[in-house]
């Protein structure tokens, strides 16, 4: 536990840090309650540790349509404001037993980090905003893990000079992940509680942010300075953080490519020519026969169903499980390539799903009208991911 004076220099002794982190979170919560109550769950993130805080700022930046000049001015203001806030938090959080960086040094470190973090996190923030507006499922699920993968190598960024030369310690990464997890819980709680509870929850989350800042800054302050001369100098001149972030981005891109290459069973792949597989033939032929067959009494109980698969899908077996579960229903899988002259869905591969939304909507409408004309009944549409955008 230590003596009384030692405890006074601990986290609870940093009253300025606690007041700033909680006060700013409560202030943003109050503003959002008045002007944007639907976004009030974002308020606690304003004083988060640096990477989540930049993610918070960028989502506000991308949230409205504006000219390029306005966007550039707002981006510059955002970078300056975030750098100023982070430099103040660093100085307030610095352990009492150490020498805090001067205001100018703290601002310079925070400014360099904020610019670097904005470049890294901007694609993820813009994607998160887009998929929050549109019902495009799988990118939304992947956004937060990707953001964390990018954030971990820069979790200690902007708190001391030459932060880009060394990777963060496990303790530094742990404070980032802990703050992120607790902010996620706070956002979920704010979303479920009455609006009046937003400010108290934001205050508690601000206190958590202050503790994370204190812990993260203490880790950075205790880290030994990189040697500047001798045989050990050259490894520390390597920009470890940029190299690590580039490696993370490359891994993410490779993982996404592998998902699309091997994530769909090969039996669904369209094939043609003399070597066409019997499984693929059976899938396409059965569905085409069902689509072109005349109306049958066994289909009269329910409306026909058009199944619209998502981005990167293959033709043509997505509706088979639904057809087995509903044997009295005509089920047809949508084709991103459209229909042939006889009205049959054309087999397609993953590249065919890369369509402009107006074209996708027109092709869905054409196949809906074809089923309606064939059965004389309204058509139900079951869609996933990209398929929901054109429905």
Protein backbone atom coordinates (compact mmCIF):
# COMPACT_ATOMS: atom_id res chain seq x y z
CA UNK A 1 0.00 0.00 0.00
CA UNK A 2 2.80 2.44 0.85
CA UNK A 3 2.76 5.50 3.09
CA UNK A 4 0.35 8.45 2.98
CA UNK A 5 2.58 10.77 0.91
CA UNK A 6 3.21 7.99 -1.62
CA UNK A 7 -0.51 7.39 -1.98
CA UNK A 8 -1.08 11.14 -2.47
CA UNK A 9 1.13 11.01 -5.54
CA UNK A 10 -0.89 8.13 -7.03
CA UNK A 11 -3.90 8.31 -9.30
CA UNK A 12 -6.23 9.95 -6.77
CA UNK A 13 -3.64 12.66 -6.27
CA UNK A 14 -4.02 13.71 -9.93
CA UNK A 15 -7.14 15.74 -9.36
CA UNK A 16 -6.61 17.91 -12.40
CA UNK A 17 -6.53 14.82 -14.64
CA UNK A 18 -9.72 13.44 -13.07
CA UNK A 19 -11.53 16.76 -13.33
CA UNK A 20 -10.52 17.33 -16.96
CA UNK A 21 -11.31 13.80 -18.18
CA UNK A 22 -14.69 13.59 -16.44
CA UNK A 23 -15.66 17.21 -17.09
CA UNK A 24 -15.03 17.02 -20.83
CA UNK A 25 -17.00 13.76 -21.12
CA UNK A 26 -19.92 15.25 -19.18
CA UNK A 27 -19.81 18.44 -21.26
CA UNK A 28 -20.00 16.52 -24.54
CA UNK A 29 -22.79 14.37 -23.10
CA UNK A 30 -24.78 17.48 -22.24
CA UNK A 31 -24.29 18.95 -25.72
CA UNK A 32 -25.31 15.72 -27.40
CA UNK A 33 -28.43 15.39 -25.27
CA UNK A 34 -29.51 18.81 -26.56
CA UNK A 35 -28.36 18.69 -30.19
CA UNK A 36 -27.88 15.01 -31.13
CA UNK A 37 -29.46 12.68 -28.55
CA UNK A 38 -29.15 9.65 -30.84
CA UNK A 39 -25.33 10.01 -30.74
CA UNK A 40 -24.99 10.54 -26.98
CA UNK A 41 -23.25 7.18 -26.52
CA UNK A 42 -20.13 8.68 -28.14
CA UNK A 43 -19.65 11.27 -25.40
CA UNK A 44 -17.34 9.29 -23.05
CA UNK A 45 -14.88 8.68 -25.88
CA UNK A 46 -13.84 12.34 -26.07
CA UNK A 47 -11.21 11.84 -23.32
CA UNK A 48 -10.26 8.26 -24.17
CA UNK A 49 -6.62 7.26 -24.61
CA UNK A 50 -5.21 8.53 -27.93
CA UNK A 51 -6.20 5.93 -30.61
CA UNK A 52 -9.89 5.58 -29.59
CA UNK A 53 -10.09 9.35 -29.15
CA UNK A 54 -8.92 9.90 -32.72
CA UNK A 55 -11.46 7.31 -33.89
CA UNK A 56 -14.14 9.31 -32.01
CA UNK A 57 -13.09 12.56 -33.73
CA UNK A 58 -12.98 11.11 -37.22
CA UNK A 59 -16.49 9.72 -36.96
CA UNK A 60 -17.75 13.22 -36.24
CA UNK A 61 -15.68 14.58 -39.12
CA UNK A 62 -17.21 12.14 -41.62
CA UNK A 63 -20.76 12.45 -40.29
CA UNK A 64 -21.94 15.32 -42.52
CA UNK A 65 -21.71 16.27 -46.18
CA UNK A 66 -19.61 19.36 -46.88
CA UNK A 67 -17.31 20.90 -49.47
CA UNK A 68 -13.66 19.91 -49.75
CA UNK A 69 -12.61 23.29 -48.36
CA UNK A 70 -14.82 22.90 -45.31
CA UNK A 71 -13.61 19.34 -44.87
CA UNK A 72 -9.95 20.43 -44.97
CA UNK A 73 -10.56 23.25 -42.48
CA UNK A 74 -12.46 20.98 -40.11
CA UNK A 75 -9.76 18.31 -40.37
CA UNK A 76 -7.07 20.85 -39.52
CA UNK A 77 -9.11 22.12 -36.58
CA UNK A 78 -9.74 18.58 -35.40
CA UNK A 79 -6.03 17.72 -35.49
CA UNK A 80 -5.09 20.87 -33.55
CA UNK A 81 -7.87 20.42 -30.98
CA UNK A 82 -7.12 16.74 -30.39
CA UNK A 83 -3.38 17.46 -30.12
CA UNK A 84 -4.04 20.19 -27.55
CA UNK A 85 -6.37 17.95 -25.50
CA UNK A 86 -3.92 15.03 -25.57
CA UNK A 87 -0.96 17.21 -24.59
CA UNK A 88 -2.93 18.56 -21.60
CA UNK A 89 -3.94 15.04 -20.56
CA UNK A 90 -0.34 13.80 -20.83
CA UNK A 91 0.94 16.55 -18.57
CA UNK A 92 -1.89 16.09 -16.07
CA UNK A 93 -1.39 12.31 -16.02
CA UNK A 94 2.40 12.32 -15.70
CA UNK A 95 3.58 10.60 -12.50
CA UNK A 96 4.45 13.05 -9.71
CA UNK A 97 7.81 11.33 -9.24
CA UNK A 98 8.90 12.07 -12.84
CA UNK A 99 9.57 15.15 -14.93
CA UNK A 100 6.61 15.86 -17.22
CA UNK A 101 7.37 17.08 -20.75
CA UNK A 102 7.13 20.81 -21.28
CA UNK A 103 3.93 22.14 -22.90
CA UNK A 104 5.68 22.71 -26.22
CA UNK A 105 7.25 19.23 -26.28
CA UNK A 106 3.96 17.60 -25.27
CA UNK A 107 2.09 19.49 -27.99
CA UNK A 108 4.69 18.60 -30.64
CA UNK A 109 4.54 14.90 -29.75
CA UNK A 110 0.74 14.91 -29.68
CA UNK A 111 0.53 16.75 -33.01
CA UNK A 112 2.80 14.26 -34.81
CA UNK A 113 0.91 11.32 -33.37
CA UNK A 114 -2.52 12.75 -34.24
CA UNK A 115 -1.59 13.28 -37.88
CA UNK A 116 -0.17 9.75 -38.09
CA UNK A 117 -3.20 8.22 -36.34
CA UNK A 118 -5.64 10.10 -38.57
CA UNK A 119 -3.96 8.66 -41.67
CA UNK A 120 -4.15 5.12 -40.26
CA UNK A 121 -7.63 5.21 -38.76
CA UNK A 122 -9.44 7.30 -41.41
CA UNK A 123 -10.33 4.32 -43.67
CA UNK A 124 -11.72 2.38 -40.71
CA UNK A 125 -13.68 5.38 -39.40
CA UNK A 126 -15.24 6.14 -42.78
CA UNK A 127 -16.15 2.47 -43.25
CA UNK A 128 -17.69 2.32 -39.76
CA UNK A 129 -19.83 5.36 -40.54
CA UNK A 130 -20.93 3.99 -43.90
CA UNK A 131 -21.93 0.55 -42.67
CA UNK A 132 -23.71 2.09 -39.67
CA UNK A 133 -25.98 3.93 -42.11
CA UNK A 134 -26.43 1.10 -44.62
CA UNK A 135 -27.40 -2.51 -43.81
CA UNK A 136 -24.11 -3.97 -45.05
CA UNK A 137 -23.35 -6.54 -42.39
CA UNK A 138 -19.92 -8.15 -42.66
CA UNK A 139 -17.79 -4.94 -42.90
CA UNK A 140 -19.43 -3.64 -39.72
CA UNK A 141 -18.46 -6.79 -37.84
CA UNK A 142 -14.88 -6.48 -39.08
CA UNK A 143 -14.44 -2.74 -38.44
CA UNK A 144 -13.76 -2.75 -34.70
CA UNK A 145 -11.28 -5.67 -34.67
CA UNK A 146 -9.38 -4.01 -37.52
CA UNK A 147 -9.34 -0.70 -35.64
CA UNK A 148 -7.95 -2.43 -32.56
CA UNK A 149 -5.26 -4.19 -34.61
CA UNK A 150 -4.17 -0.80 -35.92
CA UNK A 151 -4.48 0.88 -32.52
CA UNK A 152 -2.40 -1.58 -30.47
CA UNK A 153 0.99 -0.73 -32.09
CA UNK A 154 0.31 2.99 -31.49
CA UNK A 155 -1.27 2.67 -28.04
CA UNK A 156 1.59 4.65 -26.46
CA UNK A 157 1.78 7.22 -29.25
CA UNK A 158 2.30 10.92 -28.66
CA UNK A 159 3.26 10.66 -24.98
CA UNK A 160 7.02 11.00 -25.28
CA UNK A 161 9.64 11.83 -27.85
CA UNK A 162 10.62 9.15 -30.38
CA UNK A 163 7.54 7.07 -29.51
CA UNK A 164 7.56 5.80 -33.08
CA UNK A 165 10.93 4.06 -32.56
CA UNK A 166 9.73 1.43 -30.10
CA UNK A 167 6.69 -0.82 -29.91
CA UNK A 168 4.43 -0.46 -26.86
CA UNK A 169 4.90 -2.73 -23.87
CA UNK A 170 2.20 -5.29 -23.03
CA UNK A 171 1.10 -3.02 -20.17
CA UNK A 172 0.56 -0.09 -22.55
CA UNK A 173 -1.46 -2.25 -24.93
CA UNK A 174 -3.41 -3.58 -21.95
CA UNK A 175 -4.47 -0.08 -20.86
CA UNK A 176 -5.67 0.66 -24.39
CA UNK A 177 -7.72 -2.54 -24.59
CA UNK A 178 -9.15 -2.06 -21.10
CA UNK A 179 -10.24 1.49 -21.86
CA UNK A 180 -11.76 0.39 -25.17
CA UNK A 181 -13.71 -2.44 -23.49
CA UNK A 182 -15.07 -0.23 -20.72
CA UNK A 183 -16.04 2.51 -23.19
CA UNK A 184 -17.92 -0.11 -25.20
CA UNK A 185 -19.81 -1.11 -22.07
CA UNK A 186 -20.55 2.55 -21.29
CA UNK A 187 -21.92 3.10 -24.81
CA UNK A 188 -24.19 0.05 -24.47
CA UNK A 189 -25.42 1.24 -21.05
CA UNK A 190 -26.13 4.76 -22.33
CA UNK A 191 -28.11 3.30 -25.22
CA UNK A 192 -30.36 1.33 -22.86
CA UNK A 193 -30.86 3.86 -20.06
CA UNK A 194 -33.05 6.99 -20.18
CA UNK A 195 -31.48 10.11 -21.67
CA UNK A 196 -31.13 11.69 -18.22
CA UNK A 197 -28.66 8.95 -17.23
CA UNK A 198 -26.21 9.91 -19.97
CA UNK A 199 -24.30 12.52 -17.97
CA UNK A 200 -23.71 10.34 -14.86
CA UNK A 201 -22.57 7.41 -17.03
CA UNK A 202 -20.30 9.77 -18.98
CA UNK A 203 -18.80 10.95 -15.69
CA UNK A 204 -18.00 7.37 -14.65
CA UNK A 205 -16.54 6.66 -18.10
CA UNK A 206 -14.47 9.85 -17.86
CA UNK A 207 -13.06 8.61 -14.56
CA UNK A 208 -12.14 5.34 -16.28
CA UNK A 209 -10.45 7.33 -19.05
CA UNK A 210 -8.46 9.26 -16.46
CA UNK A 211 -7.28 6.02 -14.87
CA UNK A 212 -6.28 4.64 -18.25
CA UNK A 213 -4.36 7.83 -19.05
CA UNK A 214 -2.57 7.63 -15.71
CA UNK A 215 -1.65 3.99 -16.15
CA UNK A 216 -0.54 4.41 -19.77
CA UNK A 217 1.51 7.53 -19.00
CA UNK A 218 3.17 5.79 -16.05
CA UNK A 219 4.22 2.93 -18.33
CA UNK A 220 5.70 5.38 -20.85
CA UNK A 221 7.43 7.43 -18.13
CA UNK A 222 9.10 4.32 -16.67
CA UNK A 223 10.35 3.09 -20.04
CA UNK A 224 14.09 3.63 -20.50
CA UNK A 225 15.13 6.08 -23.20
CA UNK A 226 16.52 4.45 -26.34
CA UNK A 227 20.33 4.56 -26.47
CA UNK A 228 21.65 7.23 -28.74
CA UNK A 229 25.10 5.88 -29.46
CA UNK A 230 27.18 2.73 -29.51
CA UNK A 231 26.44 -0.68 -30.93
CA UNK A 232 22.85 -0.67 -29.66
CA UNK A 233 21.90 2.62 -31.31
CA UNK A 234 21.03 1.37 -34.79
CA UNK A 235 18.04 -0.90 -33.91
CA UNK A 236 16.29 2.01 -32.19
CA UNK A 237 16.59 4.17 -35.29
CA UNK A 238 14.29 1.77 -37.12
CA UNK A 239 10.72 3.21 -37.15
CA UNK A 240 9.26 0.20 -35.34
CA UNK A 241 5.73 1.57 -35.01
CA UNK A 242 5.24 2.45 -38.71
CA UNK A 243 6.72 -0.90 -39.72
CA UNK A 244 4.38 -2.74 -37.33
CA UNK A 245 1.30 -0.84 -38.53
CA UNK A 246 2.13 -1.51 -42.17
CA UNK A 247 2.51 -5.20 -41.31
CA UNK A 248 -0.88 -5.18 -39.54
CA UNK A 249 -2.58 -3.56 -42.53
CA UNK A 250 -0.99 -6.10 -44.87
CA UNK A 251 -2.24 -8.96 -42.66
CA UNK A 252 -5.77 -7.49 -42.65
CA UNK A 253 -5.81 -7.17 -46.44
CA UNK A 254 -4.49 -10.72 -46.85
CA UNK A 255 -7.08 -12.06 -44.40
CA UNK A 256 -9.91 -10.37 -46.30
CA UNK A 257 -8.66 -11.82 -49.57
CA UNK A 258 -8.46 -15.29 -48.04
CA UNK A 259 -12.01 -15.00 -46.71
CA UNK A 260 -13.33 -14.35 -50.21
CA UNK A 261 -11.13 -16.99 -51.81
CA UNK A 262 -11.79 -19.89 -49.47
CA UNK A 263 -14.74 -18.78 -47.38
CA UNK A 264 -17.41 -20.10 -49.78
CA UNK A 265 -17.75 -23.84 -50.47
CA UNK A 266 -16.31 -24.78 -53.83
CA UNK A 267 -19.46 -26.74 -54.72
CA UNK A 268 -21.22 -23.42 -55.31
CA UNK A 269 -18.72 -22.21 -57.88
CA UNK A 270 -20.15 -21.78 -61.37
CA UNK A 271 -18.55 -24.00 -63.96
CA UNK A 272 -19.07 -24.40 -67.65
CA UNK A 273 -17.86 -26.39 -70.60
CA UNK A 274 -17.09 -30.07 -70.98
CA UNK A 275 -15.68 -30.39 -67.46
CA UNK A 276 -18.73 -29.03 -65.69
CA UNK A 277 -19.32 -30.73 -62.35
CA UNK A 278 -22.50 -32.69 -61.75
CA UNK A 279 -23.17 -31.02 -58.39
CA UNK A 280 -23.13 -27.55 -59.97
CA UNK A 281 -25.26 -28.78 -62.87
CA UNK A 282 -27.81 -30.18 -60.46
CA UNK A 283 -28.00 -26.96 -58.50
CA UNK A 284 -28.46 -24.71 -61.51
CA UNK A 285 -30.74 -27.05 -63.46
CA UNK A 286 -33.07 -27.74 -60.55
CA UNK A 287 -33.48 -24.06 -59.84
CA UNK A 288 -33.94 -23.11 -63.47
CA UNK A 289 -36.58 -25.79 -63.91
CA UNK A 290 -38.43 -24.48 -60.89
CA UNK A 291 -38.24 -20.92 -62.19
CA UNK A 292 -39.51 -21.75 -65.68
CA UNK A 293 -42.06 -24.43 -64.80
CA UNK A 294 -45.74 -23.50 -65.03
CA UNK A 295 -47.68 -22.74 -61.88
CA UNK A 296 -48.33 -25.84 -59.81
CA UNK A 297 -50.90 -26.38 -57.05
CA UNK A 298 -48.17 -27.22 -54.52
CA UNK A 299 -46.86 -23.66 -54.86
CA UNK A 300 -50.24 -22.07 -54.31
CA UNK A 301 -50.05 -21.96 -50.51
CA UNK A 302 -47.26 -19.43 -50.19
CA UNK A 303 -45.87 -16.55 -52.27
CA UNK A 304 -42.68 -17.31 -54.23
CA UNK A 305 -39.39 -16.31 -52.59
CA UNK A 306 -36.39 -14.64 -54.21
CA UNK A 307 -33.18 -15.24 -52.21
CA UNK A 308 -30.59 -12.48 -52.74
CA UNK A 309 -27.08 -13.52 -51.53
CA UNK A 310 -24.46 -11.05 -50.34
CA UNK A 311 -21.27 -9.61 -51.77
CA UNK A 312 -18.70 -12.10 -53.06
CA UNK A 313 -21.20 -14.97 -53.30
CA UNK A 314 -21.38 -17.74 -55.89
CA UNK A 315 -24.30 -19.06 -57.87
CA UNK A 316 -26.63 -20.82 -57.25
CA UNK A 317 -27.42 -22.94 -54.19
CA UNK A 318 -28.21 -20.29 -51.56
CA UNK A 319 -31.93 -20.96 -51.71
CA UNK A 320 -31.72 -24.75 -51.39
CA UNK A 321 -31.98 -24.94 -47.58
CA UNK A 322 -35.00 -22.64 -47.65
CA UNK A 323 -36.59 -24.70 -50.43
CA UNK A 324 -36.12 -27.89 -48.38
CA UNK A 325 -37.69 -26.24 -45.34
CA UNK A 326 -40.62 -24.92 -47.40
CA UNK A 327 -41.41 -27.62 -49.97
CA UNK A 328 -44.69 -25.95 -50.93
CA UNK A 329 -42.92 -22.71 -51.92
CA UNK A 330 -41.18 -21.75 -55.15
CA UNK A 331 -37.70 -20.55 -54.11
CA UNK A 332 -35.32 -18.97 -56.61
CA UNK A 333 -31.84 -17.57 -56.02
CA UNK A 334 -31.15 -14.10 -57.40
CA UNK A 335 -28.41 -13.82 -60.02
CA UNK A 336 -26.14 -10.80 -60.01
CA UNK A 337 -25.65 -11.34 -63.76
CA UNK A 338 -29.36 -11.19 -64.44
CA UNK A 339 -31.64 -13.50 -66.43
CA UNK A 340 -31.19 -15.20 -69.78
CA UNK A 341 -33.76 -14.88 -72.57
CA UNK A 342 -35.81 -17.70 -71.13
CA UNK A 343 -35.96 -15.99 -67.74
CA UNK A 344 -33.50 -18.31 -66.00
CA UNK A 345 -30.98 -16.90 -63.47
CA UNK A 346 -27.50 -16.78 -65.02
CA UNK A 347 -24.68 -18.51 -63.09
CA UNK A 348 -22.18 -16.02 -61.64
CA UNK A 349 -18.96 -15.78 -59.66
CA UNK A 350 -17.84 -13.41 -56.88
CA UNK A 351 -16.79 -10.62 -59.25
CA UNK A 352 -20.34 -10.28 -60.58
CA UNK A 353 -21.59 -8.94 -57.24
CA UNK A 354 -19.50 -5.76 -57.65
CA UNK A 355 -22.39 -3.73 -59.02
CA UNK A 356 -23.54 -0.10 -58.74
CA UNK A 357 -26.58 0.05 -56.47
CA UNK A 358 -28.97 1.31 -59.20
CA UNK A 359 -28.02 -1.64 -61.42
CA UNK A 360 -28.43 -4.04 -58.49
CA UNK A 361 -31.87 -2.62 -57.74
CA UNK A 362 -32.95 -2.92 -61.39
CA UNK A 363 -31.86 -6.57 -61.57
CA UNK A 364 -33.63 -7.48 -58.34
CA UNK A 365 -36.78 -5.76 -59.62
CA UNK A 366 -36.58 -7.60 -62.95
CA UNK A 367 -36.34 -10.99 -61.26
CA UNK A 368 -39.12 -10.12 -58.81
CA UNK A 369 -41.42 -9.14 -61.67
CA UNK A 370 -40.50 -12.33 -63.54
CA UNK A 371 -41.52 -14.48 -60.57
CA UNK A 372 -44.70 -12.44 -60.13
CA UNK A 373 -45.65 -12.89 -63.79
CA UNK A 374 -44.97 -16.63 -63.60
CA UNK A 375 -46.96 -17.27 -60.41
CA UNK A 376 -49.46 -14.42 -60.31
CA UNK A 377 -48.62 -13.78 -56.65
CA UNK A 378 -46.66 -11.22 -54.67
CA UNK A 379 -43.01 -12.13 -54.21
CA UNK A 380 -41.17 -12.28 -50.87
CA UNK A 381 -37.50 -11.25 -50.94
CA UNK A 382 -34.95 -12.71 -48.49
CA UNK A 383 -31.69 -10.78 -48.74
CA UNK A 384 -28.38 -10.59 -46.88
CA UNK A 385 -25.56 -8.06 -46.71
CA UNK A 386 -25.18 -6.34 -50.10
CA UNK A 387 -28.46 -7.84 -51.24
CA UNK A 388 -30.35 -5.66 -48.76
CA UNK A 389 -29.03 -2.50 -50.41
CA UNK A 390 -30.85 -3.07 -53.69
CA UNK A 391 -34.07 -4.50 -52.29
